Amino acid sequence: MTCTLTDDVRARLACVKLLVLDVDGVLTDGSLYYTERGEEMKKFHVRDGRASSSYKQVGIEVALMSGNASAAVQQRARVLGITHVFLGIDDKLATLTAFCTRLGLSLTQVRMLVTM
């Protein structure tokens, strides 16, 4: 399937330098799975991984941010080559703002997908 972007969409994407993805409910279906030993497991979709690689190929940084500190998220980030990973975050906006300052970006250059 081919996706055709309008000039307006292309113009809006041109300013995006960072994509920040919440994990639970964005990269997962929001379900929590536990092993008999109490270890948390998450289910990720392979297409999200391909999409993050595509963003990186066109020069858009990708970051993961989650309120949970999960080994599964750390492993998924490693597999995808995502080096900007923020786990156990209570104040996502403050974390995002500080990260943007570190990268020299304004919030207008960021797209963030979160669930509430």
N, C-alpha and C. Protein backbone atom coordinates (compact mmCIF):
# COMPACT_ATOMS: atom_id res chain seq x y z
N MET A 1 0.83 -1.17 0.00
CA MET A 1 0.00 0.00 0.00
C MET A 1 0.88 1.24 0.00
N THR A 2 0.63 2.17 -0.90
CA THR A 2 1.40 3.40 -1.00
C THR A 2 0.65 4.52 -0.30
N CYS A 3 1.40 5.32 0.43
CA CYS A 3 0.81 6.45 1.15
C CYS A 3 1.23 7.73 0.45
N THR A 4 0.25 8.53 0.05
CA THR A 4 0.54 9.81 -0.58
C THR A 4 0.28 10.92 0.43
N LEU A 5 1.29 11.72 0.67
CA LEU A 5 1.17 12.81 1.64
C LEU A 5 0.83 14.11 0.93
N THR A 6 -0.07 14.88 1.53
CA THR A 6 -0.39 16.19 0.98
C THR A 6 0.75 17.15 1.29
N ASP A 7 0.80 18.25 0.58
CA ASP A 7 1.83 19.25 0.83
C ASP A 7 1.76 19.78 2.26
N ASP A 8 0.54 19.92 2.78
CA ASP A 8 0.36 20.40 4.15
C ASP A 8 0.98 19.42 5.15
N VAL A 9 0.73 18.14 4.97
CA VAL A 9 1.29 17.13 5.87
C VAL A 9 2.80 17.10 5.74
N ARG A 10 3.31 17.18 4.53
CA ARG A 10 4.77 17.21 4.33
C ARG A 10 5.39 18.42 5.04
N ALA A 11 4.74 19.57 4.96
CA ALA A 11 5.25 20.78 5.59
C ALA A 11 5.28 20.62 7.11
N ARG A 12 4.23 20.03 7.67
CA ARG A 12 4.18 19.85 9.12
C ARG A 12 5.21 18.83 9.59
N LEU A 13 5.45 17.79 8.80
CA LEU A 13 6.45 16.79 9.16
C LEU A 13 7.87 17.31 9.02
N ALA A 14 8.07 18.26 8.16
CA ALA A 14 9.41 18.79 7.91
C ALA A 14 10.02 19.39 9.17
N CYS A 15 9.19 19.92 10.06
CA CYS A 15 9.72 20.54 11.27
C CYS A 15 9.92 19.54 12.41
N VAL A 16 9.46 18.30 12.26
CA VAL A 16 9.55 17.31 13.33
C VAL A 16 10.97 16.74 13.40
N LYS A 17 11.56 16.83 14.57
CA LYS A 17 12.91 16.32 14.78
C LYS A 17 12.95 15.21 15.82
N LEU A 18 11.84 15.04 16.58
CA LEU A 18 11.81 14.06 17.65
C LEU A 18 10.41 13.48 17.78
N LEU A 19 10.32 12.16 17.80
CA LEU A 19 9.08 11.44 18.05
C LEU A 19 9.24 10.73 19.38
N VAL A 20 8.35 11.06 20.33
CA VAL A 20 8.39 10.44 21.65
C VAL A 20 7.15 9.57 21.80
N LEU A 21 7.37 8.31 22.12
CA LEU A 21 6.28 7.35 22.23
C LEU A 21 6.13 6.86 23.65
N ASP A 22 4.92 7.00 24.18
CA ASP A 22 4.57 6.33 25.42
C ASP A 22 4.56 4.84 25.10
N VAL A 23 4.69 3.99 26.08
CA VAL A 23 4.76 2.56 25.80
C VAL A 23 3.39 1.90 25.96
N ASP A 24 2.87 1.88 27.17
CA ASP A 24 1.61 1.17 27.44
C ASP A 24 0.45 1.88 26.77
N GLY A 25 -0.21 1.18 25.88
CA GLY A 25 -1.35 1.73 25.16
C GLY A 25 -0.99 2.40 23.85
N VAL A 26 0.30 2.65 23.62
CA VAL A 26 0.75 3.19 22.33
C VAL A 26 1.55 2.12 21.59
N LEU A 27 2.60 1.62 22.20
CA LEU A 27 3.38 0.54 21.58
C LEU A 27 2.87 -0.84 21.98
N THR A 28 1.98 -0.88 22.95
CA THR A 28 1.35 -2.15 23.34
C THR A 28 -0.15 -1.95 23.29
N ASP A 29 -0.88 -3.04 23.48
CA ASP A 29 -2.34 -2.93 23.50
C ASP A 29 -2.86 -2.52 24.88
N GLY A 30 -1.96 -2.26 25.80
CA GLY A 30 -2.35 -1.83 27.13
C GLY A 30 -2.54 -2.99 28.10
N SER A 31 -2.48 -4.21 27.61
CA SER A 31 -2.64 -5.37 28.49
C SER A 31 -1.34 -5.62 29.26
N LEU A 32 -1.48 -6.17 30.45
CA LEU A 32 -0.32 -6.56 31.24
C LEU A 32 -0.35 -8.07 31.40
N TYR A 33 0.78 -8.69 31.17
CA TYR A 33 0.93 -10.13 31.29
C TYR A 33 1.97 -10.40 32.37
N TYR A 34 1.73 -11.44 33.19
CA TYR A 34 2.67 -11.79 34.23
C TYR A 34 2.99 -13.28 34.15
N THR A 35 4.27 -13.60 34.35
CA THR A 35 4.66 -15.00 34.42
C THR A 35 4.29 -15.54 35.80
N GLU A 36 4.43 -16.83 35.98
CA GLU A 36 4.15 -17.43 37.28
C GLU A 36 5.08 -16.89 38.37
N ARG A 37 6.24 -16.40 37.96
CA ARG A 37 7.18 -15.82 38.92
C ARG A 37 6.92 -14.34 39.17
N GLY A 38 5.88 -13.79 38.53
CA GLY A 38 5.53 -12.39 38.75
C GLY A 38 6.24 -11.41 37.84
N GLU A 39 6.97 -11.93 36.86
CA GLU A 39 7.66 -11.04 35.92
C GLU A 39 6.66 -10.47 34.92
N GLU A 40 6.77 -9.19 34.67
CA GLU A 40 5.87 -8.53 33.72
C GLU A 40 6.32 -8.78 32.29
N MET A 41 5.35 -9.04 31.42
CA MET A 41 5.62 -9.19 30.00
C MET A 41 4.74 -8.22 29.23
N LYS A 42 5.23 -7.77 28.09
CA LYS A 42 4.47 -6.86 27.24
C LYS A 42 4.48 -7.41 25.82
N LYS A 43 3.44 -7.10 25.08
CA LYS A 43 3.34 -7.54 23.69
C LYS A 43 3.52 -6.33 22.78
N PHE A 44 4.55 -6.37 21.94
CA PHE A 44 4.84 -5.30 21.00
C PHE A 44 4.51 -5.77 19.59
N HIS A 45 4.17 -4.83 18.73
CA HIS A 45 3.87 -5.17 17.34
C HIS A 45 5.09 -4.86 16.47
N VAL A 46 5.42 -5.78 15.58
CA VAL A 46 6.59 -5.63 14.73
C VAL A 46 6.49 -4.39 13.84
N ARG A 47 5.30 -4.00 13.44
CA ARG A 47 5.14 -2.83 12.57
C ARG A 47 5.57 -1.54 13.26
N ASP A 48 5.35 -1.45 14.56
CA ASP A 48 5.81 -0.27 15.28
C ASP A 48 7.32 -0.18 15.24
N GLY A 49 7.98 -1.33 15.31
CA GLY A 49 9.43 -1.36 15.21
C GLY A 49 9.92 -0.90 13.86
N ARG A 50 9.25 -1.36 12.81
CA ARG A 50 9.62 -0.92 11.46
C ARG A 50 9.40 0.58 11.30
N ALA A 51 8.31 1.08 11.86
CA ALA A 51 8.02 2.51 11.76
C ALA A 51 9.09 3.34 12.47
N SER A 52 9.52 2.89 13.65
CA SER A 52 10.55 3.66 14.35
C SER A 52 11.84 3.68 13.55
N SER A 53 12.16 2.58 12.88
CA SER A 53 13.36 2.56 12.02
C SER A 53 13.20 3.53 10.85
N SER A 54 12.01 3.61 10.30
CA SER A 54 11.75 4.53 9.18
C SER A 54 11.93 5.97 9.61
N TYR A 55 11.44 6.32 10.79
CA TYR A 55 11.62 7.69 11.29
C TYR A 55 13.10 8.01 11.43
N LYS A 56 13.86 7.08 12.01
CA LYS A 56 15.29 7.32 12.19
C LYS A 56 16.00 7.48 10.86
N GLN A 57 15.56 6.74 9.83
CA GLN A 57 16.20 6.83 8.52
C GLN A 57 16.01 8.20 7.87
N VAL A 58 14.93 8.89 8.21
CA VAL A 58 14.70 10.22 7.64
C VAL A 58 15.15 11.34 8.59
N GLY A 59 15.91 10.97 9.63
CA GLY A 59 16.51 11.98 10.49
C GLY A 59 15.68 12.41 11.68
N ILE A 60 14.64 11.67 11.99
CA ILE A 60 13.82 12.00 13.16
C ILE A 60 14.25 11.08 14.31
N GLU A 61 14.66 11.70 15.42
CA GLU A 61 15.03 10.92 16.60
C GLU A 61 13.78 10.28 17.19
N VAL A 62 13.95 9.10 17.79
CA VAL A 62 12.84 8.40 18.43
C VAL A 62 13.21 8.15 19.88
N ALA A 63 12.25 8.42 20.78
CA ALA A 63 12.45 8.18 22.21
C ALA A 63 11.25 7.43 22.76
N LEU A 64 11.50 6.62 23.79
CA LEU A 64 10.43 5.93 24.49
C LEU A 64 10.33 6.50 25.90
N MET A 65 9.09 6.65 26.38
CA MET A 65 8.87 7.19 27.71
C MET A 65 7.74 6.41 28.37
N SER A 66 7.96 6.01 29.62
CA SER A 66 6.94 5.22 30.31
C SER A 66 6.94 5.52 31.79
N GLY A 67 5.78 5.44 32.37
CA GLY A 67 5.66 5.56 33.81
C GLY A 67 6.19 4.34 34.53
N ASN A 68 6.26 3.22 33.85
CA ASN A 68 6.78 1.97 34.41
C ASN A 68 8.26 1.84 34.11
N ALA A 69 8.95 1.16 35.00
CA ALA A 69 10.34 0.80 34.75
C ALA A 69 10.34 -0.68 34.39
N SER A 70 10.39 -0.96 33.10
CA SER A 70 10.19 -2.32 32.62
C SER A 70 11.40 -2.83 31.86
N ALA A 71 11.85 -4.02 32.24
CA ALA A 71 12.95 -4.66 31.52
C ALA A 71 12.54 -4.99 30.09
N ALA A 72 11.26 -5.29 29.88
CA ALA A 72 10.77 -5.60 28.53
C ALA A 72 10.91 -4.39 27.61
N VAL A 73 10.66 -3.21 28.13
CA VAL A 73 10.79 -1.99 27.33
C VAL A 73 12.26 -1.73 27.02
N GLN A 74 13.12 -1.94 28.00
CA GLN A 74 14.56 -1.76 27.76
C GLN A 74 15.05 -2.71 26.67
N GLN A 75 14.59 -3.95 26.71
CA GLN A 75 15.00 -4.93 25.70
C GLN A 75 14.47 -4.54 24.32
N ARG A 76 13.20 -4.11 24.24
CA ARG A 76 12.62 -3.70 22.95
C ARG A 76 13.39 -2.52 22.39
N ALA A 77 13.73 -1.56 23.22
CA ALA A 77 14.51 -0.40 22.77
C ALA A 77 15.87 -0.83 22.24
N ARG A 78 16.52 -1.76 22.93
CA ARG A 78 17.82 -2.27 22.46
C ARG A 78 17.69 -2.91 21.09
N VAL A 79 16.68 -3.74 20.92
CA VAL A 79 16.47 -4.43 19.64
C VAL A 79 16.24 -3.42 18.52
N LEU A 80 15.51 -2.35 18.81
CA LEU A 80 15.19 -1.34 17.79
C LEU A 80 16.28 -0.29 17.63
N GLY A 81 17.28 -0.30 18.49
CA GLY A 81 18.34 0.70 18.41
C GLY A 81 17.90 2.06 18.90
N ILE A 82 16.90 2.10 19.78
CA ILE A 82 16.44 3.36 20.37
C ILE A 82 17.24 3.61 21.63
N THR A 83 18.01 4.68 21.63
CA THR A 83 18.90 4.96 22.75
C THR A 83 18.30 5.93 23.76
N HIS A 84 17.26 6.64 23.37
CA HIS A 84 16.62 7.59 24.28
C HIS A 84 15.43 6.90 24.93
N VAL A 85 15.64 6.41 26.15
CA VAL A 85 14.61 5.65 26.86
C VAL A 85 14.46 6.22 28.27
N PHE A 86 13.25 6.62 28.60
CA PHE A 86 12.96 7.21 29.90
C PHE A 86 11.91 6.34 30.59
N LEU A 87 12.30 5.67 31.66
CA LEU A 87 11.41 4.75 32.35
C LEU A 87 11.17 5.20 33.79
N GLY A 88 10.01 4.85 34.32
CA GLY A 88 9.66 5.23 35.69
C GLY A 88 9.41 6.72 35.82
N ILE A 89 8.87 7.33 34.77
CA ILE A 89 8.68 8.78 34.71
C ILE A 89 7.29 9.16 35.22
N ASP A 90 7.26 10.01 36.23
CA ASP A 90 5.98 10.52 36.74
C ASP A 90 5.56 11.78 35.99
N ASP A 91 6.50 12.68 35.76
CA ASP A 91 6.19 13.96 35.10
C ASP A 91 6.79 13.93 33.69
N LYS A 92 6.01 13.45 32.75
CA LYS A 92 6.50 13.27 31.38
C LYS A 92 6.80 14.60 30.70
N LEU A 93 6.00 15.62 30.97
CA LEU A 93 6.25 16.92 30.35
C LEU A 93 7.57 17.52 30.83
N ALA A 94 7.85 17.44 32.11
CA ALA A 94 9.11 17.97 32.63
C ALA A 94 10.30 17.21 32.04
N THR A 95 10.17 15.89 31.95
CA THR A 95 11.23 15.07 31.37
C THR A 95 11.43 15.42 29.90
N LEU A 96 10.33 15.56 29.17
CA LEU A 96 10.42 15.91 27.75
C LEU A 96 11.05 17.28 27.57
N THR A 97 10.64 18.25 28.38
CA THR A 97 11.19 19.60 28.27
C THR A 97 12.70 19.61 28.52
N ALA A 98 13.13 18.91 29.56
CA ALA A 98 14.57 18.85 29.86
C ALA A 98 15.33 18.14 28.74
N PHE A 99 14.75 17.08 28.19
CA PHE A 99 15.40 16.35 27.10
C PHE A 99 15.52 17.23 25.86
N CYS A 100 14.47 17.97 25.54
CA CYS A 100 14.51 18.87 24.38
C CYS A 100 15.57 19.94 24.57
N THR A 101 15.68 20.47 25.77
CA THR A 101 16.72 21.46 26.06
C THR A 101 18.09 20.87 25.80
N ARG A 102 18.30 19.64 26.27
CA ARG A 102 19.58 18.96 26.06
C ARG A 102 19.89 18.76 24.58
N LEU A 103 18.85 18.48 23.77
CA LEU A 103 19.05 18.28 22.33
C LEU A 103 19.02 19.58 21.53
N GLY A 104 18.67 20.68 22.18
CA GLY A 104 18.57 21.95 21.47
C GLY A 104 17.33 22.04 20.60
N LEU A 105 16.24 21.38 21.03
CA LEU A 105 14.98 21.39 20.27
C LEU A 105 13.91 22.17 21.02
N SER A 106 12.98 22.71 20.26
CA SER A 106 11.80 23.32 20.88
C SER A 106 10.68 22.29 20.87
N LEU A 107 9.68 22.49 21.71
CA LEU A 107 8.56 21.55 21.76
C LEU A 107 7.77 21.51 20.46
N THR A 108 7.88 22.56 19.64
CA THR A 108 7.18 22.55 18.34
C THR A 108 7.81 21.56 17.37
N GLN A 109 9.02 21.10 17.67
CA GLN A 109 9.70 20.14 16.82
C GLN A 109 9.48 18.69 17.28
N VAL A 110 8.57 18.51 18.24
CA VAL A 110 8.35 17.21 18.85
C VAL A 110 6.93 16.75 18.59
N ARG A 111 6.77 15.47 18.33
CA ARG A 111 5.46 14.84 18.30
C ARG A 111 5.52 13.76 19.36
N MET A 112 4.53 13.78 20.26
CA MET A 112 4.51 12.83 21.36
C MET A 112 3.18 12.11 21.37
N LEU A 113 3.21 10.79 21.39
CA LEU A 113 2.01 9.98 21.47
C LEU A 113 1.94 9.37 22.86
N VAL A 114 0.89 9.72 23.60
CA VAL A 114 0.71 9.19 24.94
C VAL A 114 -0.74 8.72 25.13
N THR A 115 -0.94 7.90 26.11
CA THR A 115 -2.29 7.52 26.52
C THR A 115 -2.53 8.04 27.91
N MET A 116 -3.76 8.27 28.21
CA MET A 116 -4.11 8.76 29.55
C MET A 116 -4.89 7.71 30.28
